[in-house]
Amino acid sequence: EVYDRNNDGNISIEEFDECHSILRNALHLHADGEATATTDPGLLLQESADVFTAMDLNNDRIVSFNEFVTFQRTAVEKSGIKNTDIEEMVPELCRQLRRVFKMSEHEEQGNEINVHDEKILQHIIKDLATFSRELWNTEKLGRTSALTGPQYKNHWEEPPVGLNVNRLQGQHLRRFPVDMLALNKID
């Protein structure tokens, strides 16, 4: 839906190129720390015309919904991401792309991007880069952004009297199960 900018039910090369370029530029602009060019998905490093041609199975220069879904399904299968994570990430990726489009339209109307908008755009770019690396990686890495959320300092020196930390931890894990395959170590 987000790729089909004119809502005609198909994706043209121009529509695909616009989204592909945004995702590719996000990877380039947010290439720091452990997220380097070596971890960038090959799919997004390719030229948009080459990816579009690979998606266009019947060579009619238009990608149908079925062609798009088939191609994406094949690409995402290599990522190791669970279906529940995909259900969460794809709508978020679409939302972030829409935000970029909205900001671009705002600027095209002659409005300037202020400092606040610039900060929002930097956050959007970071999210797009993170989601792109996770969705289209080919190393079955799964989802890693869930593990890099904000970390809070523990202010306890000792647990409060009467609190059984092991029992509390067990109750928490029963209520909020954790994907143990995504963890590097357990404290």
C-alpha atoms as a PDB file:
ATOM      1  CA  GLU A   1       0.000   0.000   0.000  1.00  0.00           C
ATOM      2  CA  VAL A   2       2.755   2.453   0.868  1.00  0.00           C
ATOM      3  CA  TYR A   3       4.649   1.614  -2.339  1.00  0.00           C
ATOM      4  CA  ASP A   4       1.501   2.176  -4.437  1.00  0.00           C
ATOM      5  CA  ARG A   5       1.489   5.969  -4.123  1.00  0.00           C
ATOM      6  CA  ASN A   6      -1.280   6.579  -6.699  1.00  0.00           C
ATOM      7  CA  ASN A   7      -3.497   3.775  -5.315  1.00  0.00           C
ATOM      8  CA  ASP A   8      -4.042   2.080  -8.682  1.00  0.00           C
ATOM      9  CA  GLY A   9      -3.399  -1.396  -7.253  1.00  0.00           C
ATOM     10  CA  ASN A  10       0.006  -1.790  -8.923  1.00  0.00           C
ATOM     11  CA  ILE A  11       3.515  -0.494  -8.321  1.00  0.00           C
ATOM     12  CA  SER A  12       5.269   1.363 -11.120  1.00  0.00           C
ATOM     13  CA  ILE A  13       9.048   1.596 -11.426  1.00  0.00           C
ATOM     14  CA  GLU A  14       8.850   5.240 -10.292  1.00  0.00           C
ATOM     15  CA  GLU A  15       6.824   4.371  -7.182  1.00  0.00           C
ATOM     16  CA  PHE A  16       9.154   1.510  -6.312  1.00  0.00           C
ATOM     17  CA  ASP A  17      12.245   3.634  -6.921  1.00  0.00           C
ATOM     18  CA  GLU A  18      10.981   6.313  -4.520  1.00  0.00           C
ATOM     19  CA  CYS A  19      10.534   3.851  -1.620  1.00  0.00           C
ATOM     20  CA  HIS A  20      13.654   1.856  -2.436  1.00  0.00           C
ATOM     21  CA  SER A  21      15.727   5.049  -2.513  1.00  0.00           C
ATOM     22  CA  ILE A  22      14.374   6.197   0.849  1.00  0.00           C
ATOM     23  CA  LEU A  23      15.255   2.853   2.471  1.00  0.00           C
ATOM     24  CA  ARG A  24      18.651   2.732   0.775  1.00  0.00           C
ATOM     25  CA  ASN A  25      19.477   6.298   1.845  1.00  0.00           C
ATOM     26  CA  ALA A  26      18.354   5.529   5.398  1.00  0.00           C
ATOM     27  CA  LEU A  27      20.890   2.691   5.500  1.00  0.00           C
ATOM     28  CA  HIS A  28      23.577   5.027   4.190  1.00  0.00           C
ATOM     29  CA  LEU A  29      22.715   7.863   6.592  1.00  0.00           C
ATOM     30  CA  HIS A  30      22.468   5.612   9.622  1.00  0.00           C
ATOM     31  CA  ALA A  31      25.552   3.460   9.161  1.00  0.00           C
ATOM     32  CA  ASP A  32      27.183   3.653  12.560  1.00  0.00           C
ATOM     33  CA  GLY A  33      28.366   1.326  15.290  1.00  0.00           C
ATOM     34  CA  GLU A  34      27.473  -2.289  14.649  1.00  0.00           C
ATOM     35  CA  ALA A  35      25.174  -1.306  11.757  1.00  0.00           C
ATOM     36  CA  THR A  36      27.788  -1.051   9.015  1.00  0.00           C
ATOM     37  CA  ALA A  37      27.645  -1.537   5.299  1.00  0.00           C
ATOM     38  CA  THR A  38      28.638  -5.190   5.757  1.00  0.00           C
ATOM     39  CA  THR A  39      25.342  -5.869   7.558  1.00  0.00           C
ATOM     40  CA  ASP A  40      23.223  -3.957   5.076  1.00  0.00           C
ATOM     41  CA  PRO A  41      20.809  -6.183   3.157  1.00  0.00           C
ATOM     42  CA  GLY A  42      21.979  -6.923  -0.369  1.00  0.00           C
ATOM     43  CA  LEU A  43      18.426  -6.388  -1.574  1.00  0.00           C
ATOM     44  CA  LEU A  44      18.613  -2.706  -0.654  1.00  0.00           C
ATOM     45  CA  LEU A  45      22.158  -2.246  -1.920  1.00  0.00           C
ATOM     46  CA  GLN A  46      21.062  -3.239  -5.419  1.00  0.00           C
ATOM     47  CA  GLU A  47      19.822  -0.663  -7.886  1.00  0.00           C
ATOM     48  CA  SER A  48      16.052  -0.215  -7.704  1.00  0.00           C
ATOM     49  CA  ALA A  49      15.611  -1.054 -11.405  1.00  0.00           C
ATOM     50  CA  ASP A  50      17.309  -4.430 -10.882  1.00  0.00           C
ATOM     51  CA  VAL A  51      15.132  -5.277  -7.874  1.00  0.00           C
ATOM     52  CA  PHE A  52      12.016  -4.103  -9.730  1.00  0.00           C
ATOM     53  CA  THR A  53      12.871  -6.322 -12.704  1.00  0.00           C
ATOM     54  CA  ALA A  54      13.313  -9.313 -10.370  1.00  0.00           C
ATOM     55  CA  MET A  55       9.874  -8.639  -8.848  1.00  0.00           C
ATOM     56  CA  ASP A  56       8.122  -8.136 -12.195  1.00  0.00           C
ATOM     57  CA  LEU A  57       7.610 -11.823 -12.965  1.00  0.00           C
ATOM     58  CA  ASN A  58       5.500 -11.319 -16.114  1.00  0.00           C
ATOM     59  CA  ASN A  59       7.707  -8.474 -17.456  1.00  0.00           C
ATOM     60  CA  ASP A  60       4.830  -6.030 -17.947  1.00  0.00           C
ATOM     61  CA  ARG A  61       6.819  -3.165 -16.289  1.00  0.00           C
ATOM     62  CA  ILE A  62       4.260  -3.077 -13.458  1.00  0.00           C
ATOM     63  CA  VAL A  63       4.472  -5.027 -10.205  1.00  0.00           C
ATOM     64  CA  SER A  64       1.134  -6.413  -9.066  1.00  0.00           C
ATOM     65  CA  PHE A  65       0.264  -6.954  -5.431  1.00  0.00           C
ATOM     66  CA  ASN A  66       0.832 -10.716  -5.820  1.00  0.00           C
ATOM     67  CA  GLU A  67       4.240 -10.224  -7.447  1.00  0.00           C
ATOM     68  CA  PHE A  68       5.255  -7.820  -4.677  1.00  0.00           C
ATOM     69  CA  VAL A  69       4.097 -10.137  -1.879  1.00  0.00           C
ATOM     70  CA  THR A  70       5.766 -13.184  -3.460  1.00  0.00           C
ATOM     71  CA  PHE A  71       9.070 -11.353  -3.806  1.00  0.00           C
ATOM     72  CA  GLN A  72       8.954  -9.893  -0.278  1.00  0.00           C
ATOM     73  CA  ARG A  73       7.977 -13.234   1.250  1.00  0.00           C
ATOM     74  CA  THR A  74      10.998 -14.876  -0.358  1.00  0.00           C
ATOM     75  CA  ALA A  75      13.302 -12.049   0.764  1.00  0.00           C
ATOM     76  CA  VAL A  76      12.002 -11.981   4.351  1.00  0.00           C
ATOM     77  CA  GLU A  77      12.198 -15.798   4.735  1.00  0.00           C
ATOM     78  CA  LYS A  78      15.986 -15.436   4.801  1.00  0.00           C
ATOM     79  CA  SER A  79      15.899 -13.022   7.752  1.00  0.00           C
ATOM     80  CA  GLY A  80      15.008 -15.448  10.548  1.00  0.00           C
ATOM     81  CA  ILE A  81      12.335 -13.092  11.855  1.00  0.00           C
ATOM     82  CA  LYS A  82       9.294 -14.646  13.507  1.00  0.00           C
ATOM     83  CA  ASN A  83       5.862 -14.005  11.982  1.00  0.00           C
ATOM     84  CA  THR A  84       4.757 -12.077  15.068  1.00  0.00           C
ATOM     85  CA  ASP A  85       7.698  -9.708  14.646  1.00  0.00           C
ATOM     86  CA  ILE A  86       6.937  -9.286  10.943  1.00  0.00           C
ATOM     87  CA  GLU A  87       3.322  -8.433  11.798  1.00  0.00           C
ATOM     88  CA  GLU A  88       4.639  -5.715  14.086  1.00  0.00           C
ATOM     89  CA  MET A  89       7.519  -4.418  11.944  1.00  0.00           C
ATOM     90  CA  VAL A  90       5.936  -4.147   8.497  1.00  0.00           C
ATOM     91  CA  PRO A  91       3.156  -1.742   9.569  1.00  0.00           C
ATOM     92  CA  GLU A  92       5.747   0.283  11.484  1.00  0.00           C
ATOM     93  CA  LEU A  93       8.027   0.416   8.440  1.00  0.00           C
ATOM     94  CA  CYS A  94       5.060   1.580   6.340  1.00  0.00           C
ATOM     95  CA  ARG A  95       4.174   4.208   8.932  1.00  0.00           C
ATOM     96  CA  GLN A  96       7.727   5.553   8.883  1.00  0.00           C
ATOM     97  CA  LEU A  97       7.743   5.693   5.066  1.00  0.00           C
ATOM     98  CA  ARG A  98       4.449   7.597   5.142  1.00  0.00           C
ATOM     99  CA  ARG A  99       5.990  10.060   7.602  1.00  0.00           C
ATOM    100  CA  VAL A 100       8.861  10.673   5.169  1.00  0.00           C
ATOM    101  CA  PHE A 101       6.368  11.229   2.333  1.00  0.00           C
ATOM    102  CA  LYS A 102       4.364  13.648   4.489  1.00  0.00           C
ATOM    103  CA  MET A 103       7.461  15.642   5.416  1.00  0.00           C
ATOM    104  CA  SER A 104       8.531  15.718   1.775  1.00  0.00           C
ATOM    105  CA  GLU A 105       5.104  16.978   0.673  1.00  0.00           C
ATOM    106  CA  HIS A 106       5.212  19.585   3.447  1.00  0.00           C
ATOM    107  CA  GLU A 107       8.553  20.829   2.124  1.00  0.00           C
ATOM    108  CA  GLU A 108       7.357  20.755  -1.516  1.00  0.00           C
ATOM    109  CA  GLN A 109       4.522  23.094  -0.514  1.00  0.00           C
ATOM    110  CA  GLY A 110       7.134  25.695   0.387  1.00  0.00           C
ATOM    111  CA  ASN A 111       7.224  25.035   4.117  1.00  0.00           C
ATOM    112  CA  GLU A 112      10.618  24.879   5.740  1.00  0.00           C
ATOM    113  CA  ILE A 113      11.819  21.972   7.850  1.00  0.00           C
ATOM    114  CA  ASN A 114      12.531  23.314  11.345  1.00  0.00           C
ATOM    115  CA  VAL A 115      14.892  21.942  13.999  1.00  0.00           C
ATOM    116  CA  HIS A 116      12.119  19.863  15.595  1.00  0.00           C
ATOM    117  CA  ASP A 117      11.197  18.339  12.219  1.00  0.00           C
ATOM    118  CA  GLU A 118      14.880  17.640  11.575  1.00  0.00           C
ATOM    119  CA  LYS A 119      15.134  15.668  14.837  1.00  0.00           C
ATOM    120  CA  ILE A 120      11.993  13.716  13.974  1.00  0.00           C
ATOM    121  CA  LEU A 121      13.394  12.947  10.533  1.00  0.00           C
ATOM    122  CA  GLN A 122      16.655  11.683  12.058  1.00  0.00           C
ATOM    123  CA  HIS A 123      14.635   9.358  14.308  1.00  0.00           C
ATOM    124  CA  ILE A 124      12.588   8.152  11.317  1.00  0.00           C
ATOM    125  CA  ILE A 125      15.766   7.475   9.330  1.00  0.00           C
ATOM    126  CA  LYS A 126      17.217   5.480  12.226  1.00  0.00           C
ATOM    127  CA  ASP A 127      14.025   3.398  12.476  1.00  0.00           C
ATOM    128  CA  LEU A 128      13.911   2.802   8.710  1.00  0.00           C
ATOM    129  CA  ALA A 129      17.534   1.664   8.703  1.00  0.00           C
ATOM    130  CA  THR A 130      16.991  -0.649  11.677  1.00  0.00           C
ATOM    131  CA  PHE A 131      13.813  -2.222  10.304  1.00  0.00           C
ATOM    132  CA  SER A 132      15.362  -2.611   6.838  1.00  0.00           C
ATOM    133  CA  ARG A 133      18.427  -4.375   8.210  1.00  0.00           C
ATOM    134  CA  GLU A 134      16.258  -6.734  10.236  1.00  0.00           C
ATOM    135  CA  LEU A 135      13.599  -7.497   7.625  1.00  0.00           C
ATOM    136  CA  TRP A 136      15.894  -8.077   4.673  1.00  0.00           C
ATOM    137  CA  ASN A 137      19.024  -9.547   6.251  1.00  0.00           C
ATOM    138  CA  THR A 138      20.097 -12.833   4.727  1.00  0.00           C
ATOM    139  CA  GLU A 139      21.913 -14.242   7.751  1.00  0.00           C
ATOM    140  CA  LYS A 140      18.829 -15.400   9.717  1.00  0.00           C
ATOM    141  CA  LEU A 141      19.683 -12.914  12.455  1.00  0.00           C
ATOM    142  CA  GLY A 142      16.057 -12.397  13.453  1.00  0.00           C
ATOM    143  CA  ARG A 143      14.968  -9.271  15.220  1.00  0.00           C
ATOM    144  CA  THR A 144      17.668  -7.472  17.162  1.00  0.00           C
ATOM    145  CA  SER A 145      16.116  -4.043  17.785  1.00  0.00           C
ATOM    146  CA  ALA A 146      13.956  -5.465  20.579  1.00  0.00           C
ATOM    147  CA  LEU A 147      17.178  -6.125  22.467  1.00  0.00           C
ATOM    148  CA  THR A 148      18.647  -2.651  22.039  1.00  0.00           C
ATOM    149  CA  GLY A 149      15.884  -0.643  23.674  1.00  0.00           C
ATOM    150  CA  PRO A 150      16.520   1.813  26.481  1.00  0.00           C
ATOM    151  CA  GLN A 151      18.433   0.378  29.390  1.00  0.00           C
ATOM    152  CA  TYR A 152      17.587   1.623  32.873  1.00  0.00           C
ATOM    153  CA  LYS A 153      20.064   1.777  35.712  1.00  0.00           C
ATOM    154  CA  ASN A 154      19.277  -0.482  38.643  1.00  0.00           C
ATOM    155  CA  HIS A 155      19.048   1.715  41.754  1.00  0.00           C
ATOM    156  CA  TRP A 156      18.799  -1.241  44.178  1.00  0.00           C
ATOM    157  CA  GLU A 157      21.775  -2.238  46.258  1.00  0.00           C
ATOM    158  CA  GLU A 158      19.747  -5.031  47.865  1.00  0.00           C
ATOM    159  CA  PRO A 159      16.199  -6.175  47.067  1.00  0.00           C
ATOM    160  CA  PRO A 160      13.534  -4.953  49.502  1.00  0.00           C
ATOM    161  CA  VAL A 161      13.016  -7.223  52.521  1.00  0.00           C
ATOM    162  CA  GLY A 162      10.583 -10.036  51.741  1.00  0.00           C
ATOM    163  CA  LEU A 163      11.003  -9.841  47.960  1.00  0.00           C
ATOM    164  CA  ASN A 164      12.021 -13.088  46.338  1.00  0.00           C
ATOM    165  CA  VAL A 165      13.731 -12.034  43.125  1.00  0.00           C
ATOM    166  CA  ASN A 166      13.687 -15.533  41.608  1.00  0.00           C
ATOM    167  CA  ARG A 167       9.931 -15.878  42.191  1.00  0.00           C
ATOM    168  CA  LEU A 168       9.328 -12.394  40.760  1.00  0.00           C
ATOM    169  CA  GLN A 169      11.456 -13.219  37.709  1.00  0.00           C
ATOM    170  CA  GLY A 170       9.552 -16.485  37.181  1.00  0.00           C
ATOM    171  CA  GLN A 171       6.172 -14.720  37.364  1.00  0.00           C
ATOM    172  CA  HIS A 172       7.359 -12.062  34.916  1.00  0.00           C
ATOM    173  CA  LEU A 173       8.617 -14.638  32.414  1.00  0.00           C
ATOM    174  CA  ARG A 174       5.318 -16.560  32.616  1.00  0.00           C
ATOM    175  CA  ARG A 175       3.363 -13.368  31.875  1.00  0.00           C
ATOM    176  CA  PHE A 176       5.781 -11.980  29.278  1.00  0.00           C
ATOM    177  CA  PRO A 177       7.589 -14.850  27.522  1.00  0.00           C
ATOM    178  CA  VAL A 178      10.936 -14.034  25.962  1.00  0.00           C
ATOM    179  CA  ASP A 179      12.282 -15.411  22.683  1.00  0.00           C
ATOM    180  CA  MET A 180      15.319 -17.199  24.093  1.00  0.00           C
ATOM    181  CA  LEU A 181      16.845 -17.652  20.619  1.00  0.00           C
ATOM    182  CA  ALA A 182      17.266 -13.885  20.312  1.00  0.00           C
ATOM    183  CA  LEU A 183      19.246 -13.578  23.561  1.00  0.00           C
ATOM    184  CA  ASN A 184      23.021 -13.604  23.583  1.00  0.00           C
ATOM    185  CA  LYS A 185      23.317 -14.250  27.318  1.00  0.00           C
ATOM    186  CA  ILE A 186      21.160 -14.539  30.405  1.00  0.00           C
ATOM    187  CA  ASP A 187      22.124 -12.556  33.503  1.00  0.00           C
END
